């Protein structure tokens, strides 16, 4: 399983895609829609999770593209 991908606001404007634990952005986009599309492709390829953050930095959506246990525990 690869690194989880995060779509977060970029300090210079727009949105960035960052792998979990990385200090630098993988790529910066003007719109969140473009960033999500790019990050989704990476998450599917690496069988990891995608975290989408809103403008304040809170997670607003989470998608898993890895091996999820079914049924879910809990």
C-alpha atoms as a PDB file:
ATOM      1  CA  UNK A   1       0.000   0.000   0.000  1.00  0.00           C
ATOM      2  CA  UNK A   2       1.339   3.440  -0.974  1.00  0.00           C
ATOM      3  CA  UNK A   3       1.222   6.817   0.723  1.00  0.00           C
ATOM      4  CA  UNK A   4      -2.140   8.377   1.454  1.00  0.00           C
ATOM      5  CA  UNK A   5      -2.797  11.449  -0.700  1.00  0.00           C
ATOM      6  CA  UNK A   6      -4.029  14.764   0.698  1.00  0.00           C
ATOM      7  CA  UNK A   7      -5.665  17.606  -1.251  1.00  0.00           C
ATOM      8  CA  UNK A   8      -5.100  20.764   0.798  1.00  0.00           C
ATOM      9  CA  UNK A   9      -5.182  24.530   0.254  1.00  0.00           C
ATOM     10  CA  UNK A  10      -1.839  25.903  -0.993  1.00  0.00           C
ATOM     11  CA  UNK A  11      -0.325  28.922   0.746  1.00  0.00           C
ATOM     12  CA  UNK A  12       0.258  30.645  -2.613  1.00  0.00           C
ATOM     13  CA  UNK A  13      -3.340  30.120  -3.718  1.00  0.00           C
ATOM     14  CA  UNK A  14      -5.136  27.161  -5.254  1.00  0.00           C
ATOM     15  CA  UNK A  15      -4.841  23.593  -4.005  1.00  0.00           C
ATOM     16  CA  UNK A  16      -1.970  21.143  -3.661  1.00  0.00           C
ATOM     17  CA  UNK A  17      -1.619  17.367  -3.678  1.00  0.00           C
ATOM     18  CA  UNK A  18       0.752  15.992  -1.053  1.00  0.00           C
ATOM     19  CA  UNK A  19       1.679  12.456  -0.092  1.00  0.00           C
ATOM     20  CA  UNK A  20       1.373  11.687   3.629  1.00  0.00           C
ATOM     21  CA  UNK A  21       4.552  12.713   5.429  1.00  0.00           C
ATOM     22  CA  UNK A  22       5.945  14.719   2.511  1.00  0.00           C
ATOM     23  CA  UNK A  23       7.092  18.273   3.191  1.00  0.00           C
ATOM     24  CA  UNK A  24       6.679  19.410  -0.426  1.00  0.00           C
ATOM     25  CA  UNK A  25       3.632  19.318  -2.671  1.00  0.00           C
ATOM     26  CA  UNK A  26       3.559  16.776  -5.490  1.00  0.00           C
ATOM     27  CA  UNK A  27       1.732  19.292  -7.679  1.00  0.00           C
ATOM     28  CA  UNK A  28      -0.192  22.580  -7.281  1.00  0.00           C
ATOM     29  CA  UNK A  29      -3.484  23.323  -9.100  1.00  0.00           C
ATOM     30  CA  UNK A  30      -5.694  26.369  -9.589  1.00  0.00           C
ATOM     31  CA  UNK A  31      -8.880  24.488  -8.692  1.00  0.00           C
ATOM     32  CA  UNK A  32      -9.724  21.854  -6.132  1.00  0.00           C
ATOM     33  CA  UNK A  33     -11.469  19.779  -8.814  1.00  0.00           C
ATOM     34  CA  UNK A  34      -8.210  19.406 -10.789  1.00  0.00           C
ATOM     35  CA  UNK A  35      -6.283  18.518  -7.639  1.00  0.00           C
ATOM     36  CA  UNK A  36      -8.839  15.870  -6.629  1.00  0.00           C
ATOM     37  CA  UNK A  37      -8.740  14.249 -10.064  1.00  0.00           C
ATOM     38  CA  UNK A  38      -4.925  14.065  -9.997  1.00  0.00           C
ATOM     39  CA  UNK A  39      -4.811  12.776  -6.399  1.00  0.00           C
ATOM     40  CA  UNK A  40      -7.529  10.168  -7.090  1.00  0.00           C
ATOM     41  CA  UNK A  41      -5.454   8.683  -9.907  1.00  0.00           C
ATOM     42  CA  UNK A  42      -2.412   8.417  -7.611  1.00  0.00           C
ATOM     43  CA  UNK A  43      -4.459   6.881  -4.772  1.00  0.00           C
ATOM     44  CA  UNK A  44      -5.986   4.286  -7.120  1.00  0.00           C
ATOM     45  CA  UNK A  45      -2.576   3.425  -8.556  1.00  0.00           C
ATOM     46  CA  UNK A  46      -0.989   3.067  -5.098  1.00  0.00           C
ATOM     47  CA  UNK A  47      -4.089   1.473  -3.499  1.00  0.00           C
ATOM     48  CA  UNK A  48      -4.110   4.095  -0.763  1.00  0.00           C
ATOM     49  CA  UNK A  49      -6.545   6.625   0.695  1.00  0.00           C
ATOM     50  CA  UNK A  50      -7.498  10.079  -0.543  1.00  0.00           C
ATOM     51  CA  UNK A  51      -8.186  12.857   1.971  1.00  0.00           C
ATOM     52  CA  UNK A  52      -9.863  16.034   0.696  1.00  0.00           C
ATOM     53  CA  UNK A  53      -9.517  19.081   2.955  1.00  0.00           C
ATOM     54  CA  UNK A  54     -11.632  22.245   2.858  1.00  0.00           C
ATOM     55  CA  UNK A  55     -10.231  25.799   2.831  1.00  0.00           C
ATOM     56  CA  UNK A  56      -9.780  25.773   6.636  1.00  0.00           C
ATOM     57  CA  UNK A  57      -7.794  22.535   6.500  1.00  0.00           C
ATOM     58  CA  UNK A  58     -10.445  20.227   7.974  1.00  0.00           C
ATOM     59  CA  UNK A  59     -11.050  16.888   6.246  1.00  0.00           C
ATOM     60  CA  UNK A  60     -14.339  17.109   4.369  1.00  0.00           C
ATOM     61  CA  UNK A  61     -14.166  13.829   2.454  1.00  0.00           C
ATOM     62  CA  UNK A  62     -12.213  10.585   2.580  1.00  0.00           C
ATOM     63  CA  UNK A  63     -12.058   7.825  -0.025  1.00  0.00           C
ATOM     64  CA  UNK A  64     -10.256   4.510   0.170  1.00  0.00           C
ATOM     65  CA  UNK A  65      -8.838   2.798  -2.904  1.00  0.00           C
ATOM     66  CA  UNK A  66      -6.992   0.044  -1.026  1.00  0.00           C
ATOM     67  CA  UNK A  67      -8.004  -3.313   0.375  1.00  0.00           C
ATOM     68  CA  UNK A  68     -10.897  -2.529   2.685  1.00  0.00           C
ATOM     69  CA  UNK A  69     -12.052  -5.259   5.055  1.00  0.00           C
ATOM     70  CA  UNK A  70     -15.643  -6.249   4.417  1.00  0.00           C
ATOM     71  CA  UNK A  71     -17.700  -6.117   6.509  1.00  0.00           C
ATOM     72  CA  UNK A  72     -16.121  -3.167   8.302  1.00  0.00           C
ATOM     73  CA  UNK A  73     -14.982  -3.734  11.874  1.00  0.00           C
ATOM     74  CA  UNK A  74     -16.738  -1.936  14.688  1.00  0.00           C
END
